[in-house]
Amino acid sequence: MQSIYKELTELVEHHLAVIYNEVELSQSYQEIARDLLTTMEFSEDKDITRPLRHHNNWTQQDAVLITYGDSIEEEGVKPLKTLHKFLKQSCTQHINSVHILPFFPYSSDDGFAVIDYSSVNESLGDWTDIQFIAKDFRLMSDVVINHCSSRSAWFDNFIKGEGVGSDFFHTANPEDDLSNVVRPRTSPLLRETETAKGIEHVWCTFSHDQVDFDFRNPKVLQAFVSIIRQYLDNGVRLFRLDAVAFLWKKVGTSCINLEQTHEVVRLLRTLIEYAQPDVIIITETNIPNRENLAYLGNANEAHAIYNFSLPPLLVNTLITGDCHYLKSWLMSMPPAQNGTTYFNFIASHDGIGLRPAEGLLEDEELTVLVNTMQTFGGRISWRASENGQQKAYEINIALYDALQGTVKGPDKWGFQRFMCAHAIMLALEGIPGIYIHSLLATGNDYERVKNTSHNRAINRHKWQYDELQKQLASTFSQHHKVLNAMGDLLTIRRQQVAFHPNATQFTLQLGTQVFGFWRQSIDRRQSIFCLNNISDEPQEIHLSDINLVGTDEWLDLLTKQPIYAADHTVELAPYQSMWISNLPKN
């Protein structure tokens, strides 16, 4: 019988053959595979567990809080310790996972220009703080895999032409045909850099402080496998592959979503899941929906993908009072097969991406969305389109402010609209991710925008711990009301097997002002009808339209009120949600 080590070796060699098919290498695939396996601490005399295929490493009890390490600060205390205290005080009962955005030394982009992948930013804490959080919560970390800081030791060595990193970075000739390259920024693609070997033009997908790696060099791949091994050893169990879609470059192509990029993700999954079978890999690919779906592969690539189309579609739905586009998208989404799922979110440290809405929202709808968000204090980030014109790439705004009103302007329904958005998101197929500033109902931070000159800073407020506690203790504050209401939703959600990330989902046809869908547990014993009035007017729903089984007893899980099919109708107040579940039979 073939040993698992030999089986793993052959798998890795196959991945490498696909990745480097067009690259002239100085090593054989067998030698590179051996180096990678050694880096991940595999050996023939060490027990290796074969991962289960199509196995779900998640349940309805999973919910992820997304936060920076210093989103909450406390005088005289390292922020990671303060974050851990807040998590234990306010989140333990309903959130079991935490995504700490890049906690490494960095030079720009709030952590995404990493100087040193192997150490924790001293201003935040140290690896011991990370390990303590990982003991109490399932820890998610970024692998900023496409680029690093121009101030890193690796890039210094590139400039000097010697040492580790001297051959890690992608360069191009300004005369190359780069007209098809897809980018999320308007800055020049190539950075002219003086090196010991002369002038080099370094590829910079995002900014000139974020220099792109050259994965045609297997040493770069090995360096990241070493980084992943270190993160595993420090308790990381969810990996977010940041900006991975841009990883492989080939002159004359779009340099996004290339087959080699997909194969690198498959290789990393193979190495990681043989080392730690309960790990989840999530790809961060802020791209059109169809391209994003491809990163699930055949349940052999990412375990989960960011559901990037959800934020713009859901915000559009709630400000227009029309769920036509959201409903059409939901009906088109394939159910995730076992072993894969969606990572649902509405807000994040970045803005509301508009590329994932391409082909889903018409240009007129996008224009209305952008204009409305600007009237609510939002900022717009731009990118260069295919014809060289600037195009809206992202809306930068705090979600609580984004939902303060409709296309008609601000109104009195802001809180209800905000909670309706989360009732929808929490009930959808997939794992929910909640940004800390949504959990805390933080508003637009104009001061940070002014101080940093970066639009994204509008939704990256830093709370002082004492002030936050004061606000959370005040029953009249939006922060107290949202945290309590969100906790109630999450507590109810985690008790329902029909909300398993892979439970069946069907879209209901209830007109344009009521967004509804049906979830059914994997064992088919529980059904939940999720009804959401996405308008500012009361809506009446005929129960015959959702086809409640007359022999079952039904209960709205959110109000604890029984629902009787004989009543024929229910009325939803503006932005009210119902989770109508059948009661288990004895």
Protein backbone atom coordinates (compact mmCIF):
# COMPACT_ATOMS: atom_id res chain seq x y z
CA MET A 1 0.00 0.00 0.00
CA GLN A 2 1.34 3.43 -0.98
CA SER A 3 2.42 5.53 2.00
CA ILE A 4 0.60 8.81 2.62
CA TYR A 5 3.95 10.63 2.36
CA LYS A 6 4.54 9.25 -1.12
CA GLU A 7 0.95 10.09 -2.10
CA LEU A 8 1.47 13.65 -0.85
CA THR A 9 4.79 13.93 -2.69
CA GLU A 10 3.17 12.92 -5.99
CA LEU A 11 0.34 15.41 -5.46
CA VAL A 12 2.79 18.25 -4.85
CA GLU A 13 4.86 17.28 -7.89
CA HIS A 14 1.70 17.35 -10.02
CA HIS A 15 0.85 20.87 -8.80
CA LEU A 16 4.38 22.03 -9.55
CA ALA A 17 4.27 20.60 -13.07
CA VAL A 18 1.18 22.70 -13.80
CA ILE A 19 2.53 25.85 -12.18
CA TYR A 20 5.98 25.80 -13.78
CA ASN A 21 5.13 24.23 -17.13
CA GLU A 22 6.25 27.35 -19.02
CA VAL A 23 9.18 28.23 -16.72
CA GLU A 24 12.78 27.08 -17.14
CA LEU A 25 13.91 25.86 -13.72
CA SER A 26 17.28 25.04 -12.24
CA GLN A 27 15.71 22.36 -10.01
CA SER A 28 13.53 19.36 -10.82
CA TYR A 29 9.93 19.16 -9.64
CA GLN A 30 11.02 16.33 -7.33
CA GLU A 31 13.65 18.54 -5.67
CA ILE A 32 11.25 21.47 -5.23
CA ALA A 33 8.58 19.13 -3.82
CA ARG A 34 11.05 17.71 -1.32
CA ASP A 35 12.04 21.22 -0.19
CA LEU A 36 8.38 22.23 0.25
CA LEU A 37 7.52 19.10 2.23
CA THR A 38 10.55 19.58 4.46
CA THR A 39 9.57 23.20 5.05
CA MET A 40 6.09 22.06 6.13
CA GLU A 41 7.78 19.50 8.44
CA PHE A 42 6.57 16.41 6.62
CA SER A 43 8.74 13.30 6.59
CA GLU A 44 8.40 9.62 5.78
CA ASP A 45 8.70 8.60 9.44
CA LYS A 46 6.13 11.13 10.69
CA ASP A 47 2.42 10.32 10.95
CA ILE A 48 0.40 12.21 8.34
CA THR A 49 -3.40 12.32 8.38
CA ARG A 50 -5.07 12.09 5.01
CA PRO A 51 -7.67 14.91 4.83
CA LEU A 52 -11.31 13.98 4.33
CA ARG A 53 -12.69 14.94 0.95
CA HIS A 54 -15.85 17.08 0.77
CA HIS A 55 -15.74 17.54 4.53
CA ASN A 56 -17.15 20.73 6.08
CA ASN A 57 -14.87 22.30 8.69
CA TRP A 58 -17.71 24.58 9.81
CA THR A 59 -21.21 24.62 11.28
CA GLN A 60 -23.96 27.17 11.93
CA GLN A 61 -22.13 28.05 15.16
CA ASP A 62 -19.31 29.72 13.25
CA ALA A 63 -19.18 33.50 12.96
CA VAL A 64 -16.05 35.60 12.37
CA LEU A 65 -15.33 39.05 13.81
CA ILE A 66 -13.09 41.10 11.48
CA THR A 67 -10.87 43.65 13.21
CA TYR A 68 -7.53 45.37 13.25
CA GLY A 69 -5.27 44.52 16.15
CA ASP A 70 -5.57 48.13 17.35
CA SER A 71 -9.22 48.90 16.60
CA ILE A 72 -9.59 49.32 20.38
CA GLU A 73 -6.82 51.11 22.27
CA GLU A 74 -6.18 51.44 26.00
CA GLU A 75 -3.55 53.62 27.62
CA GLY A 76 -0.56 51.64 28.84
CA VAL A 77 -1.80 48.33 27.40
CA LYS A 78 -0.72 46.58 24.20
CA PRO A 79 -3.69 46.62 21.80
CA LEU A 80 -3.78 42.84 21.28
CA LYS A 81 -4.32 42.41 25.03
CA THR A 82 -7.11 44.99 24.94
CA LEU A 83 -8.67 43.29 21.92
CA HIS A 84 -8.56 39.94 23.70
CA LYS A 85 -10.27 41.48 26.74
CA PHE A 86 -13.01 42.99 24.58
CA LEU A 87 -13.53 39.71 22.73
CA LYS A 88 -13.96 37.78 25.98
CA GLN A 89 -16.25 40.44 27.48
CA SER A 90 -18.53 41.11 24.53
CA CYS A 91 -18.21 38.33 21.94
CA THR A 92 -17.63 34.93 23.56
CA GLN A 93 -21.31 33.94 23.68
CA HIS A 94 -22.02 34.42 19.98
CA ILE A 95 -18.75 34.74 18.01
CA ASN A 96 -16.20 31.93 17.96
CA SER A 97 -13.67 33.20 15.41
CA VAL A 98 -11.67 36.39 14.91
CA HIS A 99 -9.86 37.72 11.85
CA ILE A 100 -7.06 40.00 13.00
CA LEU A 101 -6.06 42.02 9.95
CA PRO A 102 -2.29 42.10 9.24
CA PHE A 103 -0.58 42.30 12.61
CA PHE A 104 2.95 42.43 11.21
CA PRO A 105 5.40 45.35 10.85
CA TYR A 106 4.33 47.38 7.82
CA SER A 107 5.05 50.60 5.96
CA SER A 108 1.67 51.56 4.43
CA ASP A 109 -1.86 50.50 3.53
CA ASP A 110 -2.76 49.84 7.18
CA GLY A 111 -0.80 46.60 7.31
CA PHE A 112 -0.97 45.32 3.76
CA ALA A 113 2.56 46.46 2.88
CA VAL A 114 4.30 43.91 5.11
CA ILE A 115 7.92 44.56 6.12
CA ASP A 116 8.43 41.29 8.02
CA TYR A 117 6.05 38.33 7.81
CA SER A 118 7.69 36.47 10.67
CA SER A 119 7.17 38.94 13.51
CA VAL A 120 4.29 40.71 15.23
CA ASN A 121 4.21 44.51 15.09
CA GLU A 122 5.73 45.55 18.43
CA SER A 123 3.20 48.35 18.82
CA LEU A 124 0.43 45.69 18.93
CA GLY A 125 2.04 42.98 21.06
CA ASP A 126 3.88 39.76 20.33
CA TRP A 127 3.34 36.14 19.29
CA THR A 128 2.33 35.23 22.85
CA ASP A 129 -0.64 37.62 22.57
CA ILE A 130 -1.60 36.01 19.27
CA GLN A 131 -1.37 32.54 20.82
CA PHE A 132 -3.59 33.54 23.76
CA ILE A 133 -6.29 34.82 21.40
CA ALA A 134 -5.98 31.63 19.32
CA LYS A 135 -6.70 29.53 22.42
CA ASP A 136 -10.05 31.27 23.00
CA PHE A 137 -11.12 31.98 19.41
CA ARG A 138 -10.55 30.36 16.06
CA LEU A 139 -7.91 32.65 14.60
CA MET A 140 -7.86 33.95 11.03
CA SER A 141 -4.76 35.60 9.60
CA ASP A 142 -3.87 37.23 6.30
CA VAL A 143 -1.24 35.80 4.02
CA VAL A 144 -0.35 38.92 2.02
CA ILE A 145 0.90 36.81 -0.85
CA ASN A 146 1.01 39.07 -3.91
CA HIS A 147 3.36 41.77 -2.63
CA CYS A 148 5.36 43.09 0.31
CA SER A 149 6.73 46.43 1.47
CA SER A 150 9.44 48.21 -0.49
CA ARG A 151 11.07 48.70 2.92
CA SER A 152 11.40 44.97 3.60
CA ALA A 153 14.79 43.27 3.98
CA TRP A 154 13.91 41.18 0.94
CA PHE A 155 13.52 44.26 -1.26
CA ASP A 156 16.68 45.81 0.19
CA ASN A 157 18.49 42.67 -0.95
CA PHE A 158 16.86 42.98 -4.37
CA ILE A 159 18.29 46.49 -4.66
CA LYS A 160 21.73 45.29 -3.48
CA GLY A 161 21.56 42.25 -5.74
CA GLU A 162 22.53 39.75 -3.06
CA GLY A 163 21.02 37.71 -0.24
CA VAL A 164 17.54 36.28 0.37
CA GLY A 165 15.01 38.23 -1.68
CA SER A 166 17.45 39.42 -4.33
CA ASP A 167 15.51 37.40 -6.94
CA PHE A 168 12.04 37.54 -5.33
CA PHE A 169 10.46 40.43 -7.27
CA HIS A 170 8.72 40.70 -10.61
CA THR A 171 10.19 43.10 -13.14
CA ALA A 172 9.12 44.04 -16.63
CA ASN A 173 10.28 46.07 -19.60
CA PRO A 174 8.39 49.36 -20.09
CA GLU A 175 8.28 48.43 -23.78
CA ASP A 176 6.28 45.25 -23.01
CA ASP A 177 2.63 45.15 -24.02
CA LEU A 178 0.96 45.70 -20.65
CA SER A 179 -2.24 47.18 -22.05
CA ASN A 180 -4.41 44.24 -20.96
CA VAL A 181 -3.26 44.19 -17.34
CA VAL A 182 -6.23 44.47 -14.96
CA ARG A 183 -5.56 46.59 -11.88
CA PRO A 184 -7.48 48.00 -8.91
CA ARG A 185 -5.49 51.25 -8.83
CA THR A 186 -4.69 54.25 -11.05
CA SER A 187 -0.99 54.59 -10.12
CA PRO A 188 1.66 53.59 -12.72
CA LEU A 189 2.14 49.82 -12.85
CA LEU A 190 5.94 49.84 -13.01
CA ARG A 191 8.23 51.44 -10.44
CA GLU A 192 11.63 52.53 -11.69
CA THR A 193 14.18 51.31 -9.15
CA GLU A 194 17.93 51.75 -9.13
CA THR A 195 19.69 48.51 -8.20
CA ALA A 196 23.24 47.17 -8.16
CA LYS A 197 22.47 45.66 -11.57
CA GLY A 198 21.16 48.92 -13.00
CA ILE A 199 17.68 50.36 -13.43
CA GLU A 200 14.90 47.79 -12.92
CA HIS A 201 11.19 48.33 -13.45
CA VAL A 202 9.41 46.59 -10.57
CA TRP A 203 5.79 45.45 -10.94
CA CYS A 204 3.45 47.15 -8.45
CA THR A 205 -0.18 46.08 -8.75
CA PHE A 206 -1.34 48.25 -5.85
CA SER A 207 1.15 51.00 -4.96
CA HIS A 208 4.84 51.76 -5.37
CA ASP A 209 5.34 50.80 -1.72
CA GLN A 210 3.81 47.38 -2.44
CA VAL A 211 6.25 45.51 -4.68
CA ASP A 212 5.00 42.33 -6.36
CA PHE A 213 6.62 38.94 -5.92
CA ASP A 214 7.78 36.81 -8.83
CA PHE A 215 6.31 33.36 -8.25
CA ARG A 216 8.14 32.07 -11.32
CA ASN A 217 10.95 31.65 -8.80
CA PRO A 218 10.19 28.54 -6.65
CA LYS A 219 12.12 30.14 -3.77
CA VAL A 220 9.25 32.64 -3.39
CA LEU A 221 6.77 29.78 -3.07
CA GLN A 222 9.00 28.07 -0.51
CA ALA A 223 9.27 31.31 1.49
CA PHE A 224 5.48 31.51 1.75
CA VAL A 225 5.16 27.86 2.69
CA SER A 226 7.59 28.60 5.53
CA ILE A 227 5.45 31.58 6.57
CA ILE A 228 2.31 29.41 6.57
CA ARG A 229 4.07 26.78 8.70
CA GLN A 230 4.97 29.45 11.27
CA TYR A 231 1.39 30.74 11.37
CA LEU A 232 0.05 27.22 11.91
CA ASP A 233 2.47 26.76 14.79
CA ASN A 234 1.15 29.97 16.37
CA GLY A 235 -2.49 28.90 16.25
CA VAL A 236 -3.81 30.26 12.95
CA ARG A 237 -6.61 28.05 11.60
CA LEU A 238 -8.15 30.28 8.90
CA PHE A 239 -5.96 31.69 6.15
CA ARG A 240 -7.05 34.66 4.07
CA LEU A 241 -5.06 34.75 0.84
CA ASP A 242 -4.94 38.48 0.19
CA ALA A 243 -5.03 39.78 -3.41
CA VAL A 244 -4.21 36.29 -4.63
CA ALA A 245 -5.92 36.80 -8.02
CA PHE A 246 -2.96 38.95 -9.17
CA LEU A 247 -0.26 36.47 -8.13
CA TRP A 248 0.96 35.21 -11.54
CA LYS A 249 1.99 37.62 -14.29
CA LYS A 250 2.39 36.92 -17.99
CA VAL A 251 3.05 39.67 -20.51
CA GLY A 252 0.27 40.00 -23.07
CA THR A 253 -2.45 38.76 -20.69
CA SER A 254 -4.71 40.38 -18.11
CA CYS A 255 -2.36 39.08 -15.36
CA ILE A 256 -5.36 38.21 -13.21
CA ASN A 257 -6.90 34.79 -12.44
CA LEU A 258 -4.33 32.95 -14.55
CA GLU A 259 -4.30 29.15 -14.38
CA GLN A 260 -0.96 29.19 -12.54
CA THR A 261 -2.56 31.31 -9.80
CA HIS A 262 -5.36 28.77 -9.33
CA GLU A 263 -2.81 25.96 -9.20
CA VAL A 264 -0.77 27.75 -6.52
CA VAL A 265 -3.94 27.92 -4.39
CA ARG A 266 -4.51 24.19 -4.97
CA LEU A 267 -0.93 23.44 -3.97
CA LEU A 268 -1.20 25.48 -0.77
CA ARG A 269 -4.46 23.73 0.09
CA THR A 270 -2.81 20.34 -0.38
CA LEU A 271 0.12 21.22 1.88
CA ILE A 272 -2.01 22.91 4.54
CA GLU A 273 -4.78 20.34 4.85
CA TYR A 274 -2.35 17.41 5.09
CA ALA A 275 -0.58 19.32 7.87
CA GLN A 276 -3.72 20.55 9.68
CA PRO A 277 -6.97 19.02 8.37
CA ASP A 278 -9.31 21.46 10.19
CA VAL A 279 -7.89 24.59 8.52
CA ILE A 280 -9.98 26.80 6.22
CA ILE A 281 -8.46 28.68 3.27
CA ILE A 282 -10.38 31.75 2.08
CA THR A 283 -9.45 33.58 -1.10
CA GLU A 284 -9.82 37.36 -1.15
CA THR A 285 -10.63 38.07 -4.79
CA ASN A 286 -12.46 41.37 -5.26
CA ILE A 287 -13.46 40.63 -8.86
CA PRO A 288 -16.62 39.97 -10.90
CA ASN A 289 -18.84 37.23 -9.47
CA ARG A 290 -18.24 34.53 -12.10
CA GLU A 291 -14.45 34.87 -11.77
CA ASN A 292 -14.71 34.78 -7.98
CA LEU A 293 -16.68 31.52 -8.02
CA ALA A 294 -13.86 29.82 -9.94
CA TYR A 295 -11.66 29.90 -6.82
CA LEU A 296 -13.74 27.12 -5.26
CA GLY A 297 -12.37 24.85 -8.00
CA ASN A 298 -13.68 21.32 -7.79
CA ALA A 299 -13.67 21.44 -3.98
CA ASN A 300 -9.87 21.28 -4.30
CA GLU A 301 -8.98 24.96 -4.19
CA ALA A 302 -10.26 27.50 -1.66
CA HIS A 303 -12.53 26.17 1.06
CA ALA A 304 -14.39 29.48 0.96
CA ILE A 305 -14.55 32.63 -1.14
CA TYR A 306 -15.48 36.13 -0.06
CA ASN A 307 -19.01 36.79 -1.31
CA PHE A 308 -17.98 40.16 -2.71
CA SER A 309 -21.20 40.73 -4.66
CA LEU A 310 -23.32 40.72 -1.49
CA PRO A 311 -22.34 44.16 -0.05
CA PRO A 312 -23.14 46.33 -3.10
CA LEU A 313 -26.27 44.34 -3.97
CA LEU A 314 -27.63 44.38 -0.42
CA VAL A 315 -26.94 48.07 0.16
CA ASN A 316 -28.53 48.84 -3.24
CA THR A 317 -31.59 46.81 -2.23
CA LEU A 318 -32.07 48.63 1.07
CA ILE A 319 -31.62 52.16 -0.25
CA THR A 320 -33.93 51.61 -3.26
CA GLY A 321 -36.56 49.41 -1.56
CA ASP A 322 -36.32 47.01 -4.53
CA CYS A 323 -34.76 43.54 -4.24
CA HIS A 324 -34.92 42.66 -7.96
CA TYR A 325 -31.14 42.60 -8.49
CA LEU A 326 -30.35 40.90 -5.20
CA LYS A 327 -32.95 38.23 -5.88
CA SER A 328 -31.70 37.60 -9.43
CA TRP A 329 -28.14 37.21 -8.16
CA LEU A 330 -29.14 34.84 -5.36
CA MET A 331 -31.03 32.61 -7.79
CA SER A 332 -27.94 32.43 -10.00
CA MET A 333 -25.56 31.40 -7.22
CA PRO A 334 -24.70 27.69 -7.31
CA PRO A 335 -25.08 25.86 -4.01
CA ALA A 336 -21.62 25.29 -2.55
CA GLN A 337 -20.76 21.61 -2.60
CA ASN A 338 -19.63 19.97 0.63
CA GLY A 339 -16.07 20.99 1.44
CA THR A 340 -16.67 24.50 0.15
CA THR A 341 -18.76 27.45 1.29
CA TYR A 342 -19.25 31.20 0.97
CA PHE A 343 -17.82 33.79 3.33
CA ASN A 344 -20.59 36.37 3.67
CA PHE A 345 -19.97 39.94 4.77
CA ILE A 346 -21.51 43.37 4.23
CA ALA A 347 -18.73 45.60 5.58
CA SER A 348 -14.98 45.27 5.95
CA HIS A 349 -11.81 47.29 6.51
CA ASP A 350 -11.97 48.11 2.81
CA GLY A 351 -14.97 49.68 1.15
CA ILE A 352 -17.98 48.39 -0.76
CA GLY A 353 -16.35 46.97 -3.88
CA LEU A 354 -18.11 47.76 -7.16
CA ARG A 355 -16.29 45.39 -9.52
CA PRO A 356 -18.22 42.40 -8.06
CA ALA A 357 -21.44 44.19 -9.04
CA GLU A 358 -20.40 44.41 -12.68
CA GLY A 359 -22.89 42.50 -14.79
CA LEU A 360 -25.27 42.32 -11.81
CA LEU A 361 -26.24 45.98 -11.40
CA GLU A 362 -26.92 48.16 -14.41
CA ASP A 363 -24.79 51.29 -14.85
CA GLU A 364 -27.72 53.50 -13.87
CA GLU A 365 -28.18 51.57 -10.62
CA LEU A 366 -24.46 51.86 -9.85
CA THR A 367 -24.57 55.59 -10.44
CA VAL A 368 -27.53 55.99 -8.06
CA LEU A 369 -25.74 53.85 -5.46
CA VAL A 370 -22.55 55.91 -5.70
CA ASN A 371 -24.39 59.22 -5.57
CA THR A 372 -26.51 58.18 -2.58
CA MET A 373 -23.47 57.01 -0.62
CA GLN A 374 -21.77 60.33 -1.31
CA THR A 375 -24.76 62.21 0.12
CA PHE A 376 -24.37 60.05 3.26
CA GLY A 377 -20.75 61.18 3.65
CA GLY A 378 -19.07 58.39 1.69
CA ARG A 379 -15.94 58.71 -0.46
CA ILE A 380 -15.20 57.03 -3.79
CA SER A 381 -11.96 55.25 -4.74
CA TRP A 382 -11.17 54.95 -8.44
CA ARG A 383 -9.40 52.60 -10.82
CA ALA A 384 -8.31 52.82 -14.43
CA SER A 385 -10.72 51.03 -16.77
CA GLU A 386 -9.78 49.13 -19.93
CA ASN A 387 -10.04 52.29 -22.08
CA GLY A 388 -7.92 54.31 -19.67
CA GLN A 389 -10.80 56.21 -18.11
CA GLN A 390 -11.30 56.38 -14.35
CA LYS A 391 -14.05 54.15 -13.01
CA ALA A 392 -15.53 53.87 -9.51
CA TYR A 393 -13.82 50.91 -7.86
CA GLU A 394 -15.00 51.14 -4.27
CA ILE A 395 -17.32 53.11 -1.99
CA ASN A 396 -15.69 54.05 1.30
CA ILE A 397 -18.25 54.53 4.07
CA ALA A 398 -19.18 53.11 7.48
CA LEU A 399 -22.09 50.71 7.03
CA TYR A 400 -24.19 52.32 9.76
CA ASP A 401 -24.04 55.62 7.87
CA ALA A 402 -24.51 53.92 4.50
CA LEU A 403 -27.91 52.64 5.68
CA GLN A 404 -29.09 55.85 7.38
CA GLY A 405 -31.65 56.43 4.65
CA THR A 406 -32.72 55.69 1.10
CA VAL A 407 -32.35 57.32 -2.30
CA LYS A 408 -34.89 59.82 -0.94
CA GLY A 409 -32.47 60.88 1.82
CA PRO A 410 -31.94 60.16 5.54
CA ASP A 411 -34.95 58.94 7.52
CA LYS A 412 -35.97 57.49 10.91
CA TRP A 413 -35.43 53.84 9.94
CA GLY A 414 -31.62 53.70 10.07
CA PHE A 415 -31.34 51.22 12.96
CA GLN A 416 -34.06 48.93 11.58
CA ARG A 417 -32.54 49.03 8.08
CA PHE A 418 -29.09 48.21 9.50
CA MET A 419 -30.42 45.23 11.46
CA CYS A 420 -32.44 44.03 8.47
CA ALA A 421 -29.19 43.93 6.45
CA HIS A 422 -27.62 41.69 9.08
CA ALA A 423 -30.68 39.48 9.48
CA ILE A 424 -30.39 38.80 5.75
CA MET A 425 -26.65 38.20 5.80
CA LEU A 426 -26.72 35.93 8.86
CA ALA A 427 -29.42 33.72 7.34
CA LEU A 428 -27.78 33.19 3.94
CA GLU A 429 -25.88 30.08 2.92
CA GLY A 430 -22.29 30.49 4.13
CA ILE A 431 -20.18 31.60 7.09
CA PRO A 432 -20.86 35.18 8.30
CA GLY A 433 -18.09 37.71 8.85
CA ILE A 434 -18.91 40.85 10.85
CA TYR A 435 -16.62 43.87 10.82
CA ILE A 436 -15.99 45.25 14.29
CA HIS A 437 -17.30 48.68 13.29
CA SER A 438 -20.58 47.10 12.22
CA LEU A 439 -20.82 45.20 15.51
CA LEU A 440 -20.24 48.51 17.31
CA ALA A 441 -22.28 50.73 14.92
CA THR A 442 -19.32 53.05 14.42
CA GLY A 443 -20.01 55.96 12.10
CA ASN A 444 -17.88 57.68 9.45
CA ASP A 445 -14.51 58.83 10.82
CA TYR A 446 -13.85 62.02 8.87
CA GLU A 447 -10.97 62.98 11.16
CA ARG A 448 -8.98 59.89 10.20
CA VAL A 449 -9.61 60.58 6.52
CA LYS A 450 -8.29 64.11 7.01
CA ASN A 451 -5.24 62.94 8.97
CA THR A 452 -4.30 60.06 6.66
CA SER A 453 -5.52 61.39 3.28
CA HIS A 454 -6.85 57.87 2.61
CA ASN A 455 -10.53 57.29 1.82
CA ARG A 456 -10.57 53.86 3.46
CA ALA A 457 -9.71 55.43 6.82
CA ILE A 458 -13.35 56.56 7.03
CA ASN A 459 -14.26 53.06 8.25
CA ARG A 460 -11.14 52.35 10.31
CA HIS A 461 -11.94 54.22 13.51
CA LYS A 462 -9.86 53.53 16.62
CA TRP A 463 -11.93 53.34 19.78
CA GLN A 464 -10.54 54.27 23.16
CA TYR A 465 -11.47 51.37 25.43
CA ASP A 466 -12.92 53.50 28.25
CA GLU A 467 -15.02 55.57 25.85
CA LEU A 468 -16.28 52.43 24.13
CA GLN A 469 -17.29 50.88 27.44
CA LYS A 470 -19.11 54.09 28.34
CA GLN A 471 -21.03 54.04 25.05
CA LEU A 472 -21.85 50.33 25.34
CA ALA A 473 -23.19 50.89 28.86
CA SER A 474 -25.55 53.62 27.68
CA THR A 475 -28.89 52.07 26.71
CA PHE A 476 -29.62 55.11 24.53
CA SER A 477 -26.52 54.85 22.31
CA GLN A 478 -26.61 53.28 18.85
CA HIS A 479 -23.53 51.29 19.88
CA HIS A 480 -25.33 49.62 22.80
CA LYS A 481 -28.48 48.94 20.78
CA VAL A 482 -26.65 47.42 17.80
CA LEU A 483 -24.28 45.25 19.86
CA ASN A 484 -27.21 43.81 21.84
CA ALA A 485 -29.38 43.28 18.77
CA MET A 486 -26.52 41.71 16.85
CA GLY A 487 -25.77 39.40 19.77
CA ASP A 488 -29.42 38.27 19.83
CA LEU A 489 -29.37 37.50 16.08
CA LEU A 490 -26.10 35.57 16.34
CA THR A 491 -27.29 33.59 19.38
CA ILE A 492 -30.47 32.55 17.61
CA ARG A 493 -28.61 31.73 14.41
CA ARG A 494 -26.10 29.37 15.97
CA GLN A 495 -28.91 27.21 17.41
CA GLN A 496 -30.55 26.48 14.02
CA VAL A 497 -29.32 23.50 11.99
CA ALA A 498 -31.12 24.99 8.96
CA PHE A 499 -28.54 27.79 9.09
CA HIS A 500 -25.62 25.41 8.56
CA PRO A 501 -23.44 27.04 5.86
CA ASN A 502 -24.21 24.15 3.49
CA ALA A 503 -27.93 23.74 4.26
CA THR A 504 -30.28 24.00 1.28
CA GLN A 505 -31.31 27.46 0.11
CA PHE A 506 -34.12 28.48 -2.24
CA THR A 507 -35.10 32.00 -3.26
CA LEU A 508 -38.75 32.93 -2.67
CA GLN A 509 -40.82 34.97 -5.13
CA LEU A 510 -42.57 37.59 -3.00
CA GLY A 511 -42.43 40.68 -5.18
CA THR A 512 -39.76 43.36 -5.16
CA GLN A 513 -40.28 44.82 -1.67
CA VAL A 514 -40.00 41.61 0.32
CA PHE A 515 -36.76 39.65 0.01
CA GLY A 516 -37.31 36.07 1.07
CA PHE A 517 -35.53 32.74 0.97
CA TRP A 518 -36.02 29.31 2.45
CA ARG A 519 -33.33 27.35 4.31
CA GLN A 520 -33.69 23.64 5.01
CA SER A 521 -31.37 21.63 7.24
CA ILE A 522 -29.18 18.94 5.72
CA ASP A 523 -31.30 16.24 7.41
CA ARG A 524 -34.46 18.03 6.10
CA ARG A 525 -36.04 18.19 9.55
CA GLN A 526 -35.92 21.98 10.00
CA SER A 527 -37.15 24.63 7.59
CA ILE A 528 -36.75 28.37 8.11
CA PHE A 529 -38.50 30.92 5.93
CA CYS A 530 -36.48 34.15 6.03
CA LEU A 531 -38.74 37.10 5.19
CA ASN A 532 -37.39 40.66 5.02
CA ASN A 533 -39.29 43.84 4.29
CA ILE A 534 -36.65 45.89 2.48
CA SER A 535 -38.91 48.94 2.10
CA ASP A 536 -40.01 51.87 4.28
CA GLU A 537 -43.67 50.85 4.06
CA PRO A 538 -45.49 47.95 5.83
CA GLN A 539 -45.80 44.83 3.67
CA GLU A 540 -48.44 42.10 3.87
CA ILE A 541 -47.40 38.55 3.01
CA HIS A 542 -49.82 35.78 2.17
CA LEU A 543 -48.65 32.65 3.97
CA SER A 544 -49.90 30.57 1.06
CA ASP A 545 -47.09 32.17 -0.99
CA ILE A 546 -44.44 30.57 1.18
CA ASN A 547 -46.30 27.27 1.49
CA LEU A 548 -46.09 26.54 5.23
CA VAL A 549 -46.79 22.88 5.93
CA GLY A 550 -50.16 22.92 7.68
CA THR A 551 -49.40 19.94 9.94
CA ASP A 552 -46.33 21.65 11.46
CA GLU A 553 -46.22 24.26 14.21
CA TRP A 554 -44.41 27.45 13.19
CA LEU A 555 -42.62 30.14 15.19
CA ASP A 556 -40.94 33.42 14.30
CA LEU A 557 -37.57 32.88 15.96
CA LEU A 558 -36.92 36.63 16.20
CA THR A 559 -40.08 37.65 18.07
CA LYS A 560 -40.92 34.22 19.57
CA GLN A 561 -44.46 34.66 18.22
CA PRO A 562 -46.29 31.59 16.85
CA ILE A 563 -47.29 31.74 13.19
CA TYR A 564 -50.56 30.08 12.20
CA ALA A 565 -51.17 29.12 8.60
CA ALA A 566 -54.89 29.63 9.26
CA ASP A 567 -54.25 33.35 9.74
CA HIS A 568 -53.49 33.50 6.00
CA THR A 569 -51.33 36.64 6.21
CA VAL A 570 -48.59 38.27 8.26
CA GLU A 571 -47.60 41.92 8.16
CA LEU A 572 -44.00 43.10 8.23
CA ALA A 573 -43.23 46.58 9.53
CA PRO A 574 -40.67 48.63 7.57
CA TYR A 575 -37.37 46.72 7.52
CA GLN A 576 -38.70 43.98 9.79
CA SER A 577 -37.30 40.48 9.38
CA MET A 578 -38.88 37.17 10.30
CA TRP A 579 -37.19 33.78 10.65
CA ILE A 580 -40.23 31.46 10.56
CA SER A 581 -39.20 27.98 11.66
CA ASN A 582 -41.12 24.76 12.12
CA LEU A 583 -40.97 23.33 15.63
CA PRO A 584 -39.44 19.89 16.12
CA LYS A 585 -41.95 17.13 16.65
CA ASN A 586 -41.66 14.88 19.69
